Protein backbone atom coordinates (compact mmCIF):
# COMPACT_ATOMS: atom_id res chain seq x y z
CA MET A 1 -3.28 -3.28 -47.51
CA SER A 2 -2.73 -3.54 -43.74
CA SER A 3 -0.83 -0.86 -41.86
CA LEU A 4 1.86 -3.43 -41.03
CA SER A 5 2.62 -4.00 -44.73
CA ASP A 6 2.36 -0.30 -45.71
CA PRO A 7 5.86 1.24 -45.22
CA SER A 8 4.54 4.82 -45.03
CA LYS A 9 2.02 3.97 -42.28
CA ARG A 10 4.59 1.89 -40.41
CA ASN A 11 7.14 4.72 -40.55
CA SER A 12 4.51 7.20 -39.38
CA SER A 13 3.63 4.99 -36.42
CA GLU A 14 7.30 4.55 -35.49
CA LYS A 15 7.84 8.31 -35.75
CA HIS A 16 4.83 8.98 -33.52
CA THR A 17 6.13 6.48 -30.93
CA PHE A 18 9.59 8.06 -31.03
CA ILE A 19 8.21 11.59 -30.54
CA LYS A 20 6.02 10.37 -27.71
CA GLU A 21 8.98 8.75 -25.92
CA VAL A 22 11.21 11.82 -26.40
CA THR A 23 8.44 14.06 -25.06
CA ARG A 24 7.87 11.80 -22.07
CA SER A 25 11.60 11.69 -21.32
CA ALA A 26 11.80 15.48 -21.49
CA ILE A 27 8.83 15.91 -19.13
CA LEU A 28 10.26 13.40 -16.64
CA LYS A 29 13.57 15.28 -16.67
CA LEU A 30 11.76 18.59 -16.21
CA GLN A 31 9.77 17.39 -13.21
CA ARG A 32 12.90 15.91 -11.58
CA ASN A 33 14.98 19.04 -12.10
CA PHE A 34 12.29 21.42 -10.84
CA ARG A 35 10.74 18.91 -8.39
CA LEU A 36 7.29 19.28 -9.95
CA PHE A 37 5.60 16.41 -8.17
CA PRO A 38 3.29 15.87 -5.18
CA ARG A 39 4.49 16.58 -1.67
CA GLU A 40 1.69 14.68 0.06
CA ILE A 41 1.99 10.96 0.57
CA CYS A 42 -0.35 8.27 1.84
CA LEU A 43 0.60 4.73 2.80
CA ILE A 44 -1.99 1.97 2.49
CA SER A 45 -1.16 -0.92 4.78
CA GLY A 46 -2.59 -3.71 6.88
CA ALA A 47 -2.64 -7.48 6.82
CA PRO A 48 -2.05 -9.04 3.40
CA ARG A 49 -5.20 -10.08 1.52
CA SER A 50 -7.26 -7.61 3.55
CA GLY A 51 -8.25 -5.41 0.61
CA THR A 52 -5.19 -3.17 0.34
CA SER A 53 -4.78 -3.86 -3.39
CA VAL A 54 -8.36 -3.06 -4.44
CA LEU A 55 -8.31 0.04 -2.22
CA CYS A 56 -5.11 1.26 -3.89
CA GLU A 57 -6.42 0.47 -7.37
CA TRP A 58 -9.65 2.39 -6.71
CA LEU A 59 -7.85 5.45 -5.32
CA SER A 60 -5.37 5.44 -8.20
CA HIS A 61 -8.23 6.45 -10.54
CA GLN A 62 -9.14 9.56 -8.55
CA ALA A 63 -8.18 13.01 -9.79
CA GLY A 64 -4.90 14.34 -8.45
CA VAL A 65 -3.70 10.92 -7.24
CA SER A 66 -0.76 8.85 -8.44
CA ALA A 67 -0.43 5.35 -6.95
CA PHE A 68 2.62 3.07 -6.77
CA PRO A 69 1.22 -0.22 -5.44
CA GLY A 70 3.87 -2.36 -3.83
CA SER A 71 6.82 -0.37 -5.16
CA ARG A 72 8.95 -1.87 -2.32
CA ILE A 73 10.96 1.36 -2.12
CA LEU A 74 9.55 2.10 1.36
CA VAL A 75 10.29 -1.45 2.54
CA SER A 76 13.88 -1.10 1.34
CA ILE A 77 14.21 2.32 2.97
CA ASP A 78 12.90 0.79 6.21
CA ARG A 79 15.87 -1.59 6.17
CA PHE A 80 18.23 1.28 5.33
CA ILE A 81 17.01 3.39 8.27
CA ALA A 82 17.67 0.45 10.60
CA GLU A 83 21.24 0.37 9.29
CA ILE A 84 21.66 4.12 9.85
CA HIS A 85 21.07 3.67 13.56
CA ARG A 86 23.48 0.73 13.77
CA PHE A 87 26.53 2.89 13.09
CA GLN A 88 27.57 5.72 15.37
CA ASN A 89 28.78 8.11 12.68
CA LEU A 90 25.56 7.75 10.66
CA ASP A 91 23.38 7.92 13.75
CA ARG A 92 25.03 11.20 14.80
CA ASP A 93 24.22 12.64 11.39
CA SER A 94 20.86 10.89 11.02
CA ALA A 95 18.86 14.08 10.34
CA THR A 96 20.94 14.80 7.24
CA VAL A 97 20.83 11.19 6.07
CA ILE A 98 17.05 11.00 6.56
CA ASN A 99 16.61 14.18 4.52
CA LEU A 100 18.71 12.72 1.70
CA THR A 101 16.68 9.52 1.91
CA ARG A 102 13.42 11.48 1.62
CA HIS A 103 14.69 13.04 -1.62
CA LEU A 104 15.71 9.59 -2.87
CA VAL A 105 12.15 8.27 -2.40
CA PHE A 106 10.60 11.24 -4.21
CA ASP A 107 13.13 10.91 -7.03
CA TYR A 108 12.38 7.19 -7.34
CA TYR A 109 8.67 7.88 -7.76
CA SER A 110 9.22 10.77 -10.15
CA ARG A 111 11.42 8.77 -12.54
CA SER A 112 8.71 6.26 -13.37
CA ARG A 113 5.79 8.40 -14.52
CA ILE A 114 4.61 11.93 -15.22
CA LEU A 115 3.36 13.50 -12.00
CA ILE A 116 2.88 17.13 -12.95
CA GLY A 117 -0.58 18.19 -11.80
CA LYS A 118 -0.85 15.42 -9.20
CA ARG A 119 -1.36 16.29 -5.53
CA LEU A 120 -0.96 12.97 -3.73
CA PHE A 121 1.35 9.94 -3.86
CA ILE A 122 -0.11 6.66 -2.67
CA ASP A 123 1.98 3.57 -2.01
CA LYS A 124 0.72 0.22 -0.75
CA GLU A 125 2.70 -2.17 1.41
CA PRO A 126 0.95 -5.07 3.18
CA LEU A 127 2.53 -6.16 6.45
CA GLU A 128 3.70 -9.72 5.93
CA PRO A 129 6.75 -11.76 7.01
CA ILE A 130 8.31 -12.17 3.56
CA ALA A 131 8.70 -8.40 3.14
CA PHE A 132 9.42 -7.96 6.86
CA PRO A 133 11.34 -11.04 8.08
CA SER A 134 11.82 -9.53 11.55
CA LYS A 135 8.06 -8.80 11.68
CA GLY A 136 8.85 -5.22 12.60
CA TYR A 137 5.52 -4.00 11.24
CA GLU A 138 5.10 -1.10 13.66
CA GLN A 139 8.69 0.04 13.16
CA PHE A 140 8.03 0.22 9.42
CA ILE A 141 5.16 2.65 10.00
CA ILE A 142 7.29 4.62 12.47
CA ASN A 143 10.07 4.89 9.88
CA VAL A 144 7.68 6.02 7.14
CA ARG A 145 6.40 8.69 9.52
CA MET A 146 9.99 9.69 10.27
CA LEU A 147 10.59 10.22 6.56
CA PHE A 148 7.24 11.92 5.95
CA PRO A 149 5.92 13.40 9.22
CA GLU A 150 2.74 14.71 7.58
CA SER A 151 1.95 11.51 5.70
CA LYS A 152 -1.48 9.91 5.87
CA LEU A 153 -2.02 6.25 6.74
CA LEU A 154 -4.90 4.07 5.57
CA LEU A 155 -4.87 0.93 7.71
CA VAL A 156 -7.13 -1.77 6.30
CA ILE A 157 -8.72 -4.50 8.40
CA ARG A 158 -10.97 -7.29 7.16
CA ASP A 159 -12.85 -10.26 8.59
CA PRO A 160 -10.11 -12.59 9.91
CA ILE A 161 -11.71 -15.73 8.49
CA ALA A 162 -11.91 -14.30 4.97
CA THR A 163 -8.44 -12.74 5.23
CA ILE A 164 -6.73 -15.89 6.46
CA TRP A 165 -8.54 -18.03 3.88
CA SER A 166 -7.24 -15.74 1.13
CA MET A 167 -3.75 -15.89 2.63
CA THR A 168 -3.76 -19.69 2.39
CA ARG A 169 -4.67 -19.58 -1.32
CA ARG A 170 -1.31 -18.24 -2.46
CA THR A 171 2.41 -18.71 -2.11
CA TRP A 172 4.69 -15.95 -0.86
CA GLY A 173 7.99 -14.57 -2.05
CA GLU A 174 7.36 -14.13 -5.78
CA SER A 175 8.63 -10.53 -5.67
CA LEU A 176 12.01 -11.49 -4.19
CA THR A 177 15.11 -12.44 -6.15
CA ASN A 178 16.79 -15.81 -5.65
CA MET A 179 14.24 -17.16 -3.19
CA GLU A 180 11.89 -20.11 -3.37
CA THR A 181 8.24 -19.35 -2.78
CA LYS A 182 6.81 -20.33 0.57
CA ARG A 183 3.53 -21.25 2.21
CA PHE A 184 2.59 -20.56 5.82
CA THR A 185 0.37 -22.45 8.26
CA ILE A 186 -3.05 -21.22 9.35
CA GLU A 187 -1.53 -20.44 12.75
CA GLU A 188 1.17 -18.28 11.15
CA HIS A 189 -1.43 -16.42 9.09
CA GLN A 190 -3.53 -15.91 12.23
CA GLU A 191 -0.50 -14.47 14.02
CA ASN A 192 0.02 -12.11 11.07
CA TRP A 193 -3.62 -10.95 11.16
CA SER A 194 -3.51 -10.48 14.94
CA SER A 195 -0.30 -8.43 14.75
CA CYS A 196 -1.92 -6.13 12.19
CA ALA A 197 -5.08 -5.90 14.32
CA ASP A 198 -2.90 -4.78 17.24
CA LEU A 199 -1.54 -1.99 15.02
CA VAL A 200 -5.08 -0.96 14.11
CA LEU A 201 -5.85 -0.68 17.83
CA LYS A 202 -2.73 1.39 18.40
CA TYR A 203 -3.35 3.81 15.53
CA CYS A 204 -7.15 4.06 15.57
CA SER A 205 -7.05 7.37 17.47
CA ASP A 206 -4.17 8.86 15.47
CA PRO A 207 -5.40 11.95 13.55
CA ASN A 208 -3.34 11.12 10.45
CA THR A 209 -4.65 7.55 10.29
CA TYR A 210 -7.97 6.28 8.96
CA ILE A 211 -9.04 2.71 9.70
CA VAL A 212 -10.66 1.19 6.62
CA GLN A 213 -13.01 -1.62 7.61
CA PHE A 214 -13.16 -3.58 4.37
CA GLU A 215 -16.62 -5.01 5.00
CA ARG A 216 -18.01 -1.53 5.64
CA LEU A 217 -16.45 -0.29 2.39
CA VAL A 218 -18.12 -3.18 0.52
CA ASN A 219 -21.50 -2.93 2.25
CA ASP A 220 -21.80 0.86 2.34
CA PRO A 221 -19.49 2.04 -0.47
CA GLU A 222 -20.99 5.49 -0.99
CA ASN A 223 -20.71 6.68 2.61
CA GLU A 224 -17.39 4.98 3.33
CA SER A 225 -15.92 6.35 0.09
CA ARG A 226 -16.94 9.83 1.19
CA ARG A 227 -15.20 9.39 4.55
CA ILE A 228 -11.99 8.26 2.84
CA PHE A 229 -12.18 11.16 0.37
CA ASP A 230 -12.63 13.60 3.26
CA PHE A 231 -9.62 12.12 5.04
CA LEU A 232 -7.43 12.39 1.92
CA LYS A 233 -8.97 15.71 0.79
CA ILE A 234 -10.03 14.24 -2.55
CA ARG A 235 -12.75 16.26 -4.24
CA LYS A 236 -15.44 14.85 -6.51
CA GLY A 237 -14.15 11.30 -6.29
CA ASN A 238 -15.84 8.25 -7.77
CA SER A 239 -17.24 5.90 -5.14
CA PHE A 240 -15.78 2.45 -4.58
CA GLN A 241 -17.39 -0.29 -6.68
CA PRO A 242 -17.45 -3.59 -4.74
CA ARG A 243 -16.48 -6.81 -6.46
CA GLN A 244 -17.75 -10.26 -5.75
CA THR A 245 -15.50 -12.01 -3.23
CA LYS A 246 -14.60 -15.69 -3.35
CA GLU A 247 -16.27 -18.27 -1.16
CA ILE A 248 -14.45 -19.27 2.03
CA GLY A 249 -13.36 -22.91 1.97
CA PHE A 250 -12.65 -23.49 5.67
CA ASN A 251 -14.88 -26.03 7.33
CA ASN A 252 -16.79 -25.15 10.51
CA GLU A 253 -14.14 -26.62 12.79
CA GLU A 254 -11.36 -24.62 11.14
CA GLN A 255 -13.41 -21.43 11.29
CA GLU A 256 -14.17 -21.92 14.97
CA LYS A 257 -10.47 -22.52 15.68
CA ILE A 258 -9.45 -19.28 13.95
CA PHE A 259 -12.25 -17.38 15.65
CA ARG A 260 -11.02 -18.55 19.08
CA MET A 261 -7.45 -17.51 18.28
CA VAL A 262 -8.42 -13.97 17.21
CA GLN A 263 -11.12 -13.45 19.85
CA PRO A 264 -8.93 -11.19 22.07
CA GLN A 265 -8.31 -8.75 19.19
CA LEU A 266 -11.96 -8.85 18.06
CA LYS A 267 -13.16 -7.87 21.53
CA LEU A 268 -10.73 -4.95 21.73
CA LEU A 269 -11.59 -3.82 18.21
CA ASN A 270 -15.30 -3.96 18.96
CA ALA A 271 -14.72 -1.78 22.04
CA GLN A 272 -13.21 0.83 19.72
CA GLY A 273 -16.19 0.72 17.37
CA ILE A 274 -14.41 -1.45 14.79
CA SER A 275 -17.06 -4.09 14.49
CA ASP A 276 -17.85 -4.58 10.77
CA LEU A 277 -15.57 -7.58 10.46
CA ARG A 278 -17.97 -10.39 9.62
């Protein structure tokens, strides 16, 4: 007799599920009331399709880490902070409002999963025009730093040809309500990559930022993993395991066109030692 047709086994399973849910609910309430969750936060960002997702997934399996990939809470808070400074009464009291907002973010994270024993939050937000219609990518990072002054930033950069090819393979806007999905031109994707490359150049000397060159992580995973672990103070982590990437479908003419458009950023990046992008 299967467990589905055995009333005693079915009741036992339902009871176990009920106890598990009650226990989980009690632990979540306990950690919210006593604020038993990590105080350190790291944002993974960069151009979309540059490797931010696989980086976040890999780090989420490390001890002491809890990851919230693409939660959108930080994007929404970015918009909220902009509104604070629009109004005089809120702007005058911005320190208090920012502090309340910081608690809101922590409470949002802590309501979704058990975090007791974790040391580090990680959230991932690629910098793309659907999430940031005004293209205020740098202001987003500034606002995250305003909320969490000691936060770490992992900025990912990848070969522009591979990144832009991957960008063209998907539609954008699936995470938004009441909006049709959209595709962008190669030129718009190139502009997006270049804007993110400019941010990499701006933050490459910042002590709380680590520039993750995706190709270096793939080609030398053991050493690059160790550097990232050192930056995040992760002990005894498991090294990144590269996956096979898809073939690029641009023809030679298209690749040369993109390469010409991004050449100014590539030269500046190379001057800063960021050269593993091919």
